[in-house]
Amino acid sequence: MNKLRVRLNQVSDIVSFVAIANKCECDVDARCGSIVVDAKSLMGVMSMALCKEVDILFHGETCEEILQKMTPYAA
C-alpha cells in the first residue's frame, strides 16, 4: 500500500483529483482522521472538504503516471 498526503483547497481541485483517481486501476481511499471514503467518489471526497490535509491510500500497484498527476496536490 502506498500513501500520499494531499491538500484540496477548492472544489475544482477536488473534481480534478477525483478524475485522476478514477484512472487508477487499484482501489484508492481518502482518509482524514478516522474518516475513510472512496477517493474515486466525488461526493465522498467533497464530504471531507473541511479537512486541511487528506491521506490518499493506494491498495495495490500504483501507476507512476497517476502519482505524477497527483503531485500538484501534494501537501
N, C-alpha and C. Protein backbone atom coordinates (compact mmCIF):
# COMPACT_ATOMS: atom_id res chain seq x y z
N MET A 1 0.85 -1.17 0.00
CA MET A 1 0.00 0.00 0.00
C MET A 1 0.89 1.24 0.00
N ASN A 2 0.61 2.15 -0.89
CA ASN A 2 1.31 3.43 -0.95
C ASN A 2 0.43 4.51 -0.36
N LYS A 3 1.06 5.57 0.10
CA LYS A 3 0.32 6.67 0.74
C LYS A 3 0.85 8.00 0.22
N LEU A 4 -0.06 8.95 0.02
CA LEU A 4 0.29 10.29 -0.42
C LEU A 4 -0.58 11.27 0.37
N ARG A 5 0.01 12.31 0.89
CA ARG A 5 -0.75 13.34 1.62
C ARG A 5 -1.02 14.49 0.65
N VAL A 6 -2.29 14.89 0.55
CA VAL A 6 -2.67 15.95 -0.38
C VAL A 6 -3.45 17.04 0.34
N ARG A 7 -3.51 18.17 -0.30
CA ARG A 7 -4.31 19.31 0.17
C ARG A 7 -5.21 19.72 -0.99
N LEU A 8 -6.52 19.67 -0.76
CA LEU A 8 -7.50 20.02 -1.78
C LEU A 8 -8.23 21.27 -1.31
N ASN A 9 -7.84 22.42 -1.83
CA ASN A 9 -8.32 23.70 -1.32
C ASN A 9 -9.62 24.20 -1.94
N GLN A 10 -9.89 23.80 -3.18
CA GLN A 10 -11.06 24.32 -3.89
C GLN A 10 -11.86 23.17 -4.48
N VAL A 11 -13.10 23.45 -4.81
CA VAL A 11 -13.95 22.44 -5.43
C VAL A 11 -13.34 21.95 -6.74
N SER A 12 -12.75 22.85 -7.51
CA SER A 12 -12.13 22.45 -8.78
C SER A 12 -10.97 21.49 -8.54
N ASP A 13 -10.24 21.66 -7.43
CA ASP A 13 -9.17 20.72 -7.08
C ASP A 13 -9.74 19.34 -6.80
N ILE A 14 -10.85 19.29 -6.07
CA ILE A 14 -11.47 18.01 -5.74
C ILE A 14 -11.95 17.31 -7.00
N VAL A 15 -12.60 18.04 -7.89
CA VAL A 15 -13.12 17.45 -9.14
C VAL A 15 -11.97 16.89 -9.98
N SER A 16 -10.89 17.65 -10.12
CA SER A 16 -9.74 17.19 -10.90
C SER A 16 -9.08 15.99 -10.23
N PHE A 17 -8.94 16.03 -8.92
CA PHE A 17 -8.30 14.94 -8.20
C PHE A 17 -9.09 13.65 -8.35
N VAL A 18 -10.41 13.71 -8.19
CA VAL A 18 -11.25 12.51 -8.32
C VAL A 18 -11.17 11.95 -9.74
N ALA A 19 -11.11 12.81 -10.73
CA ALA A 19 -10.97 12.35 -12.12
C ALA A 19 -9.67 11.59 -12.30
N ILE A 20 -8.60 12.07 -11.70
CA ILE A 20 -7.31 11.38 -11.78
C ILE A 20 -7.39 10.04 -11.04
N ALA A 21 -7.98 10.04 -9.85
CA ALA A 21 -8.10 8.81 -9.05
C ALA A 21 -8.89 7.74 -9.79
N ASN A 22 -9.88 8.15 -10.56
CA ASN A 22 -10.70 7.20 -11.31
C ASN A 22 -9.93 6.51 -12.42
N LYS A 23 -8.81 7.06 -12.82
CA LYS A 23 -7.98 6.44 -13.86
C LYS A 23 -7.08 5.35 -13.29
N CYS A 24 -6.98 5.29 -11.98
CA CYS A 24 -6.13 4.31 -11.30
C CYS A 24 -6.88 2.98 -11.24
N GLU A 25 -6.20 1.89 -11.58
CA GLU A 25 -6.84 0.58 -11.60
C GLU A 25 -7.05 0.01 -10.20
N CYS A 26 -6.21 0.41 -9.24
CA CYS A 26 -6.34 -0.13 -7.89
C CYS A 26 -7.36 0.67 -7.08
N ASP A 27 -7.73 0.14 -5.91
CA ASP A 27 -8.62 0.86 -5.01
C ASP A 27 -7.87 2.03 -4.39
N VAL A 28 -8.55 3.17 -4.27
CA VAL A 28 -7.94 4.37 -3.71
C VAL A 28 -8.89 4.92 -2.65
N ASP A 29 -8.37 5.12 -1.44
CA ASP A 29 -9.16 5.67 -0.35
C ASP A 29 -8.60 7.02 0.06
N ALA A 30 -9.47 7.86 0.61
CA ALA A 30 -9.06 9.14 1.19
C ALA A 30 -9.36 9.06 2.68
N ARG A 31 -8.37 9.42 3.51
CA ARG A 31 -8.53 9.32 4.96
C ARG A 31 -8.20 10.65 5.63
N CYS A 32 -9.09 11.08 6.50
CA CYS A 32 -8.86 12.26 7.33
C CYS A 32 -9.25 11.86 8.74
N GLY A 33 -8.25 11.67 9.58
CA GLY A 33 -8.51 11.19 10.94
C GLY A 33 -9.07 9.78 10.89
N SER A 34 -10.24 9.60 11.48
CA SER A 34 -10.87 8.27 11.50
C SER A 34 -11.86 8.08 10.35
N ILE A 35 -12.03 9.09 9.52
CA ILE A 35 -12.97 9.01 8.40
C ILE A 35 -12.24 8.52 7.16
N VAL A 36 -12.79 7.49 6.52
CA VAL A 36 -12.21 6.95 5.29
C VAL A 36 -13.32 6.87 4.25
N VAL A 37 -13.05 7.42 3.05
CA VAL A 37 -14.01 7.37 1.95
C VAL A 37 -13.30 6.90 0.69
N ASP A 38 -14.07 6.48 -0.27
CA ASP A 38 -13.54 6.08 -1.58
C ASP A 38 -13.07 7.35 -2.30
N ALA A 39 -11.78 7.40 -2.65
CA ALA A 39 -11.23 8.60 -3.30
C ALA A 39 -11.70 8.74 -4.75
N LYS A 40 -12.39 7.72 -5.25
CA LYS A 40 -12.94 7.80 -6.61
C LYS A 40 -14.37 8.34 -6.59
N SER A 41 -14.87 8.65 -5.41
CA SER A 41 -16.22 9.17 -5.23
C SER A 41 -16.18 10.68 -5.02
N LEU A 42 -16.77 11.41 -5.94
CA LEU A 42 -16.79 12.87 -5.83
C LEU A 42 -17.50 13.30 -4.55
N MET A 43 -18.63 12.71 -4.26
CA MET A 43 -19.38 13.09 -3.05
C MET A 43 -18.60 12.71 -1.79
N GLY A 44 -17.93 11.57 -1.82
CA GLY A 44 -17.14 11.15 -0.67
C GLY A 44 -16.02 12.12 -0.36
N VAL A 45 -15.27 12.50 -1.38
CA VAL A 45 -14.14 13.41 -1.17
C VAL A 45 -14.65 14.81 -0.82
N MET A 46 -15.75 15.23 -1.41
CA MET A 46 -16.31 16.55 -1.07
C MET A 46 -16.78 16.59 0.38
N SER A 47 -17.18 15.45 0.93
CA SER A 47 -17.62 15.42 2.32
C SER A 47 -16.47 15.67 3.28
N MET A 48 -15.24 15.56 2.79
CA MET A 48 -14.05 15.80 3.61
C MET A 48 -13.51 17.21 3.40
N ALA A 49 -14.30 18.09 2.85
CA ALA A 49 -13.83 19.42 2.47
C ALA A 49 -13.27 20.22 3.63
N LEU A 50 -13.68 19.93 4.84
CA LEU A 50 -13.19 20.70 5.98
C LEU A 50 -11.80 20.26 6.44
N CYS A 51 -11.34 19.13 5.96
CA CYS A 51 -10.01 18.65 6.33
C CYS A 51 -8.96 19.43 5.55
N LYS A 52 -7.95 19.90 6.24
CA LYS A 52 -6.90 20.65 5.56
C LYS A 52 -6.00 19.75 4.74
N GLU A 53 -5.67 18.59 5.29
CA GLU A 53 -4.83 17.64 4.58
C GLU A 53 -5.49 16.27 4.64
N VAL A 54 -5.39 15.53 3.55
CA VAL A 54 -6.03 14.23 3.42
C VAL A 54 -4.96 13.23 3.00
N ASP A 55 -4.96 12.05 3.64
CA ASP A 55 -4.07 10.97 3.23
C ASP A 55 -4.77 10.15 2.16
N ILE A 56 -4.07 9.91 1.07
CA ILE A 56 -4.58 9.08 -0.01
C ILE A 56 -3.87 7.74 0.07
N LEU A 57 -4.66 6.67 0.15
CA LEU A 57 -4.13 5.33 0.29
C LEU A 57 -4.42 4.52 -0.97
N PHE A 58 -3.38 3.97 -1.56
CA PHE A 58 -3.50 3.16 -2.77
C PHE A 58 -3.38 1.70 -2.36
N HIS A 59 -4.38 0.90 -2.67
CA HIS A 59 -4.38 -0.52 -2.34
C HIS A 59 -4.08 -1.31 -3.61
N GLY A 60 -2.85 -1.72 -3.76
CA GLY A 60 -2.42 -2.42 -4.97
C GLY A 60 -1.27 -1.67 -5.61
N GLU A 61 -0.94 -2.03 -6.82
CA GLU A 61 0.16 -1.36 -7.51
C GLU A 61 -0.29 0.02 -7.97
N THR A 62 0.54 0.99 -7.66
CA THR A 62 0.24 2.37 -8.04
C THR A 62 1.02 2.72 -9.30
N CYS A 63 0.31 3.21 -10.28
CA CYS A 63 0.93 3.61 -11.53
C CYS A 63 1.69 4.93 -11.32
N GLU A 64 2.93 4.97 -11.75
CA GLU A 64 3.74 6.19 -11.60
C GLU A 64 3.10 7.38 -12.31
N GLU A 65 2.44 7.13 -13.42
CA GLU A 65 1.79 8.20 -14.16
C GLU A 65 0.70 8.86 -13.32
N ILE A 66 -0.05 8.06 -12.57
CA ILE A 66 -1.10 8.59 -11.70
C ILE A 66 -0.49 9.41 -10.58
N LEU A 67 0.59 8.90 -9.97
CA LEU A 67 1.25 9.65 -8.89
C LEU A 67 1.78 10.98 -9.38
N GLN A 68 2.33 11.02 -10.59
CA GLN A 68 2.85 12.27 -11.14
C GLN A 68 1.72 13.27 -11.35
N LYS A 69 0.55 12.80 -11.77
CA LYS A 69 -0.58 13.70 -11.98
C LYS A 69 -1.13 14.23 -10.66
N MET A 70 -0.90 13.49 -9.56
CA MET A 70 -1.40 13.91 -8.26
C MET A 70 -0.42 14.81 -7.51
N THR A 71 0.82 14.91 -7.95
CA THR A 71 1.82 15.69 -7.23
C THR A 71 1.47 17.17 -7.07
N PRO A 72 0.72 17.81 -7.98
CA PRO A 72 0.36 19.22 -7.72
C PRO A 72 -0.50 19.40 -6.46
N TYR A 73 -1.13 18.33 -6.00
CA TYR A 73 -1.99 18.41 -4.81
C TYR A 73 -1.25 17.98 -3.55
N ALA A 74 0.00 17.55 -3.68
CA ALA A 74 0.76 17.06 -2.52
C ALA A 74 0.93 18.15 -1.47
N ALA A 75 0.76 17.75 -0.22
CA ALA A 75 0.87 18.69 0.89
C ALA A 75 2.29 18.74 1.42
